[in-house]
Amino acid sequence: MAAKSQLIREIDSLPADCLEEILDYICFIKQKRLSLATDTMYVSEKTLARDWNSAEEDAAWADL
């Protein structure tokens, strides 16, 4: 939590014209993390499909 407080203090000390750049960077970081999670999901899909696409799996989920 100390880092968050320090970030807020640093942002508060910046001139207003820098805030847009800071916001852009925060959005970039969030998008990058989301992209990594999505990439992992797609890479895993083929491997997990071997278990998911089976008669046993279909039978287990048939009542839902």
C-alpha atoms as a PDB file:
ATOM      1  CA  MET A   1       0.000   0.000   0.000  1.00  0.00           C
ATOM      2  CA  ALA A   2       2.993   2.284   0.485  1.00  0.00           C
ATOM      3  CA  ALA A   3       3.694   2.242  -3.251  1.00  0.00           C
ATOM      4  CA  LYS A   4       0.127   3.304  -4.002  1.00  0.00           C
ATOM      5  CA  SER A   5       0.363   6.219  -1.585  1.00  0.00           C
ATOM      6  CA  GLN A   6       3.680   7.252  -3.085  1.00  0.00           C
ATOM      7  CA  LEU A   7       2.245   7.086  -6.602  1.00  0.00           C
ATOM      8  CA  ILE A   8      -0.667   9.267  -5.606  1.00  0.00           C
ATOM      9  CA  ARG A   9       1.705  11.807  -4.022  1.00  0.00           C
ATOM     10  CA  GLU A  10       3.879  11.823  -7.139  1.00  0.00           C
ATOM     11  CA  ILE A  11       0.876  12.253  -9.443  1.00  0.00           C
ATOM     12  CA  ASP A  12      -0.432  15.072  -7.261  1.00  0.00           C
ATOM     13  CA  SER A  13       2.902  16.849  -7.589  1.00  0.00           C
ATOM     14  CA  LEU A  14       2.937  16.741 -11.415  1.00  0.00           C
ATOM     15  CA  PRO A  15       1.790  19.602 -13.599  1.00  0.00           C
ATOM     16  CA  ALA A  16      -1.679  19.089 -15.082  1.00  0.00           C
ATOM     17  CA  ASP A  17      -0.331  18.676 -18.622  1.00  0.00           C
ATOM     18  CA  CYS A  18       1.472  15.460 -17.559  1.00  0.00           C
ATOM     19  CA  LEU A  19      -1.654  13.709 -16.301  1.00  0.00           C
ATOM     20  CA  GLU A  20      -2.807  12.593 -19.750  1.00  0.00           C
ATOM     21  CA  GLU A  21       0.545  10.888 -20.307  1.00  0.00           C
ATOM     22  CA  ILE A  22       0.324   9.146 -16.942  1.00  0.00           C
ATOM     23  CA  LEU A  23      -3.201   7.970 -17.735  1.00  0.00           C
ATOM     24  CA  ASP A  24      -2.056   6.654 -21.123  1.00  0.00           C
ATOM     25  CA  TYR A  25       0.720   4.695 -19.440  1.00  0.00           C
ATOM     26  CA  ILE A  26      -1.657   3.198 -16.874  1.00  0.00           C
ATOM     27  CA  CYS A  27      -4.012   2.121 -19.671  1.00  0.00           C
ATOM     28  CA  PHE A  28      -1.050   0.632 -21.557  1.00  0.00           C
ATOM     29  CA  ILE A  29      -0.019  -1.436 -18.528  1.00  0.00           C
ATOM     30  CA  LYS A  30      -3.571  -2.693 -17.999  1.00  0.00           C
ATOM     31  CA  GLN A  31      -3.935  -3.636 -21.676  1.00  0.00           C
ATOM     32  CA  LYS A  32      -0.570  -5.408 -21.657  1.00  0.00           C
ATOM     33  CA  ARG A  33      -1.596  -7.515 -18.643  1.00  0.00           C
ATOM     34  CA  LEU A  34      -4.951  -8.339 -20.236  1.00  0.00           C
ATOM     35  CA  SER A  35      -3.212  -9.292 -23.471  1.00  0.00           C
ATOM     36  CA  LEU A  36      -0.833 -11.647 -21.650  1.00  0.00           C
ATOM     37  CA  ALA A  37      -3.750 -13.360 -19.909  1.00  0.00           C
ATOM     38  CA  THR A  38      -5.615 -13.716 -23.198  1.00  0.00           C
ATOM     39  CA  ASP A  39      -2.520 -15.096 -24.945  1.00  0.00           C
ATOM     40  CA  THR A  40      -2.108 -17.708 -22.211  1.00  0.00           C
ATOM     41  CA  MET A  41      -5.746 -18.690 -22.564  1.00  0.00           C
ATOM     42  CA  TYR A  42      -5.436 -19.226 -26.323  1.00  0.00           C
ATOM     43  CA  VAL A  43      -2.160 -21.128 -26.025  1.00  0.00           C
ATOM     44  CA  SER A  44      -3.703 -23.449 -23.427  1.00  0.00           C
ATOM     45  CA  GLU A  45      -6.842 -24.086 -25.454  1.00  0.00           C
ATOM     46  CA  LYS A  46      -5.393 -26.840 -27.677  1.00  0.00           C
ATOM     47  CA  THR A  47      -3.930 -28.723 -24.754  1.00  0.00           C
ATOM     48  CA  LEU A  48      -7.072 -28.475 -22.654  1.00  0.00           C
ATOM     49  CA  ALA A  49      -9.261 -29.404 -25.616  1.00  0.00           C
ATOM     50  CA  ARG A  50      -7.922 -32.956 -25.419  1.00  0.00           C
ATOM     51  CA  ASP A  51      -9.647 -33.308 -22.047  1.00  0.00           C
ATOM     52  CA  TRP A  52     -12.671 -31.159 -22.828  1.00  0.00           C
ATOM     53  CA  ASN A  53     -13.561 -32.758 -26.155  1.00  0.00           C
ATOM     54  CA  SER A  54     -14.188 -36.285 -24.950  1.00  0.00           C
ATOM     55  CA  ALA A  55     -17.204 -38.497 -24.506  1.00  0.00           C
ATOM     56  CA  GLU A  56     -16.532 -38.720 -20.771  1.00  0.00           C
ATOM     57  CA  GLU A  57     -16.506 -34.937 -20.438  1.00  0.00           C
ATOM     58  CA  ASP A  58     -19.713 -34.601 -22.492  1.00  0.00           C
ATOM     59  CA  ALA A  59     -21.407 -37.164 -20.231  1.00  0.00           C
ATOM     60  CA  ALA A  60     -20.278 -35.341 -17.094  1.00  0.00           C
ATOM     61  CA  TRP A  61     -21.848 -32.082 -18.296  1.00  0.00           C
ATOM     62  CA  ALA A  62     -24.911 -33.543 -19.992  1.00  0.00           C
ATOM     63  CA  ASP A  63     -27.303 -32.678 -17.154  1.00  0.00           C
ATOM     64  CA  LEU A  64     -26.414 -28.987 -17.086  1.00  0.00           C
END
